[in-house]
Amino acid sequence: MLVAGSVLAWWAIIPLLATLVPFEQVAHQLVTLGYLKDITTAGGRDNWDPVTKTFANPASALYFAYIRQIGAGAVAAGGLLRYSKQFR
């Protein structure tokens, strides 16, 4: 399941997010998570460039901004479902 989730994330969800989500919004999310100081300062995780509003590695930026939280939520939901079925 974990391998399938990784393949789905890297081959489907990240390319989809790259086309739908502006990189400035990704930068705001990374600021919220503490990976960037602010969106006007260059550098940080995946080398944010505020002038061109791009990342040196956009796939990795999307991974840290969104995919890690999706994965953590899936693991938590799976645990809760497993736990709830145990006590029925």
C-alpha atoms as a PDB file:
ATOM      1  CA  MET A   1       0.000   0.000   0.000  1.00  0.00           C
ATOM      2  CA  LEU A   2       2.819   2.397   0.829  1.00  0.00           C
ATOM      3  CA  VAL A   3       4.588   1.734  -2.477  1.00  0.00           C
ATOM      4  CA  ALA A   4       1.337   2.209  -4.386  1.00  0.00           C
ATOM      5  CA  GLY A   5       0.741   5.473  -2.549  1.00  0.00           C
ATOM      6  CA  SER A   6       4.242   6.683  -3.395  1.00  0.00           C
ATOM      7  CA  VAL A   7       3.844   5.804  -7.060  1.00  0.00           C
ATOM      8  CA  LEU A   8       0.447   7.526  -7.145  1.00  0.00           C
ATOM      9  CA  ALA A   9       1.890  10.618  -5.464  1.00  0.00           C
ATOM     10  CA  TRP A  10       4.944  11.020  -7.695  1.00  0.00           C
ATOM     11  CA  TRP A  11       3.375   9.978 -11.007  1.00  0.00           C
ATOM     12  CA  ALA A  12      -0.131  11.433 -10.676  1.00  0.00           C
ATOM     13  CA  ILE A  13      -0.754  13.817  -7.778  1.00  0.00           C
ATOM     14  CA  ILE A  14       2.429  15.918  -8.004  1.00  0.00           C
ATOM     15  CA  PRO A  15       2.070  16.506 -11.789  1.00  0.00           C
ATOM     16  CA  LEU A  16      -1.604  17.352 -11.254  1.00  0.00           C
ATOM     17  CA  LEU A  17      -0.780  19.826  -8.477  1.00  0.00           C
ATOM     18  CA  ALA A  18       2.016  21.325 -10.595  1.00  0.00           C
ATOM     19  CA  THR A  19      -0.504  22.225 -13.276  1.00  0.00           C
ATOM     20  CA  LEU A  20      -3.305  23.396 -10.961  1.00  0.00           C
ATOM     21  CA  VAL A  21      -1.584  25.149  -8.036  1.00  0.00           C
ATOM     22  CA  PRO A  22       0.422  28.361  -8.583  1.00  0.00           C
ATOM     23  CA  PHE A  23       3.929  28.163  -7.130  1.00  0.00           C
ATOM     24  CA  GLU A  24       3.323  31.299  -5.079  1.00  0.00           C
ATOM     25  CA  GLN A  25       0.597  29.406  -3.221  1.00  0.00           C
ATOM     26  CA  VAL A  26       3.009  26.495  -2.712  1.00  0.00           C
ATOM     27  CA  ALA A  27       5.504  28.970  -1.259  1.00  0.00           C
ATOM     28  CA  HIS A  28       2.831  30.299   1.143  1.00  0.00           C
ATOM     29  CA  GLN A  29       2.160  26.726   2.275  1.00  0.00           C
ATOM     30  CA  LEU A  30       5.891  26.131   2.833  1.00  0.00           C
ATOM     31  CA  VAL A  31       6.057  29.335   4.908  1.00  0.00           C
ATOM     32  CA  THR A  32       3.155  28.067   7.012  1.00  0.00           C
ATOM     33  CA  LEU A  33       4.952  24.757   7.541  1.00  0.00           C
ATOM     34  CA  GLY A  34       8.237  26.475   8.425  1.00  0.00           C
ATOM     35  CA  TYR A  35      10.283  25.425   5.387  1.00  0.00           C
ATOM     36  CA  LEU A  36      10.590  29.012   4.077  1.00  0.00           C
ATOM     37  CA  LYS A  37      11.204  32.208   6.027  1.00  0.00           C
ATOM     38  CA  ASP A  38       8.778  34.210   3.876  1.00  0.00           C
ATOM     39  CA  ILE A  39       7.839  34.412   0.204  1.00  0.00           C
ATOM     40  CA  THR A  40       9.877  37.561  -0.425  1.00  0.00           C
ATOM     41  CA  THR A  41      13.191  35.953   0.622  1.00  0.00           C
ATOM     42  CA  ALA A  42      15.077  33.711  -1.787  1.00  0.00           C
ATOM     43  CA  GLY A  43      16.315  30.295  -0.690  1.00  0.00           C
ATOM     44  CA  GLY A  44      14.850  27.893   1.806  1.00  0.00           C
ATOM     45  CA  ARG A  45      13.679  24.428   0.932  1.00  0.00           C
ATOM     46  CA  ASP A  46      14.023  23.756  -2.805  1.00  0.00           C
ATOM     47  CA  ASN A  47      15.563  27.190  -3.455  1.00  0.00           C
ATOM     48  CA  TRP A  48      12.556  29.495  -3.860  1.00  0.00           C
ATOM     49  CA  ASP A  49      13.125  32.432  -6.231  1.00  0.00           C
ATOM     50  CA  PRO A  50      10.721  35.290  -5.391  1.00  0.00           C
ATOM     51  CA  VAL A  51      11.553  37.232  -8.576  1.00  0.00           C
ATOM     52  CA  THR A  52      10.509  34.498 -11.024  1.00  0.00           C
ATOM     53  CA  LYS A  53       8.178  32.818  -8.483  1.00  0.00           C
ATOM     54  CA  THR A  54       9.649  29.377  -9.154  1.00  0.00           C
ATOM     55  CA  PHE A  55      11.470  26.623  -7.281  1.00  0.00           C
ATOM     56  CA  ALA A  56      14.702  24.938  -8.308  1.00  0.00           C
ATOM     57  CA  ASN A  57      12.962  21.593  -7.681  1.00  0.00           C
ATOM     58  CA  PRO A  58       9.187  22.101  -7.953  1.00  0.00           C
ATOM     59  CA  ALA A  59       8.326  18.413  -7.460  1.00  0.00           C
ATOM     60  CA  SER A  60      10.102  18.342  -4.120  1.00  0.00           C
ATOM     61  CA  ALA A  61       8.477  21.617  -3.080  1.00  0.00           C
ATOM     62  CA  LEU A  62       5.038  20.168  -3.843  1.00  0.00           C
ATOM     63  CA  TYR A  63       5.955  17.016  -1.934  1.00  0.00           C
ATOM     64  CA  PHE A  64       6.862  18.914   1.225  1.00  0.00           C
ATOM     65  CA  ALA A  65       3.950  21.364   0.877  1.00  0.00           C
ATOM     66  CA  TYR A  66       1.139  18.874   0.228  1.00  0.00           C
ATOM     67  CA  ILE A  67       1.999  15.203  -0.299  1.00  0.00           C
ATOM     68  CA  ARG A  68       3.499  14.597   3.148  1.00  0.00           C
ATOM     69  CA  GLN A  69       0.312  15.897   4.782  1.00  0.00           C
ATOM     70  CA  ILE A  70      -1.877  13.784   2.478  1.00  0.00           C
ATOM     71  CA  GLY A  71       0.184  10.696   3.363  1.00  0.00           C
ATOM     72  CA  ALA A  72       0.045  11.394   7.084  1.00  0.00           C
ATOM     73  CA  GLY A  73      -3.718  11.863   6.886  1.00  0.00           C
ATOM     74  CA  ALA A  74      -4.110   8.590   4.968  1.00  0.00           C
ATOM     75  CA  VAL A  75      -2.086   6.692   7.568  1.00  0.00           C
ATOM     76  CA  ALA A  76      -4.098   8.243  10.415  1.00  0.00           C
ATOM     77  CA  ALA A  77      -7.410   7.509   8.683  1.00  0.00           C
ATOM     78  CA  GLY A  78      -6.344   3.920   8.030  1.00  0.00           C
ATOM     79  CA  GLY A  79      -5.430   3.487  11.674  1.00  0.00           C
ATOM     80  CA  LEU A  80      -8.728   4.914  12.844  1.00  0.00           C
ATOM     81  CA  LEU A  81     -10.704   2.697  10.484  1.00  0.00           C
ATOM     82  CA  ARG A  82      -8.781  -0.358  11.603  1.00  0.00           C
ATOM     83  CA  TYR A  83      -9.288   0.593  15.251  1.00  0.00           C
ATOM     84  CA  SER A  84     -13.006   1.247  14.807  1.00  0.00           C
ATOM     85  CA  LYS A  85     -13.585  -2.106  13.064  1.00  0.00           C
ATOM     86  CA  GLN A  86     -11.868  -3.893  15.917  1.00  0.00           C
ATOM     87  CA  PHE A  87     -14.508  -2.800  18.440  1.00  0.00           C
ATOM     88  CA  ARG A  88     -17.675  -3.446  16.449  1.00  0.00           C
END
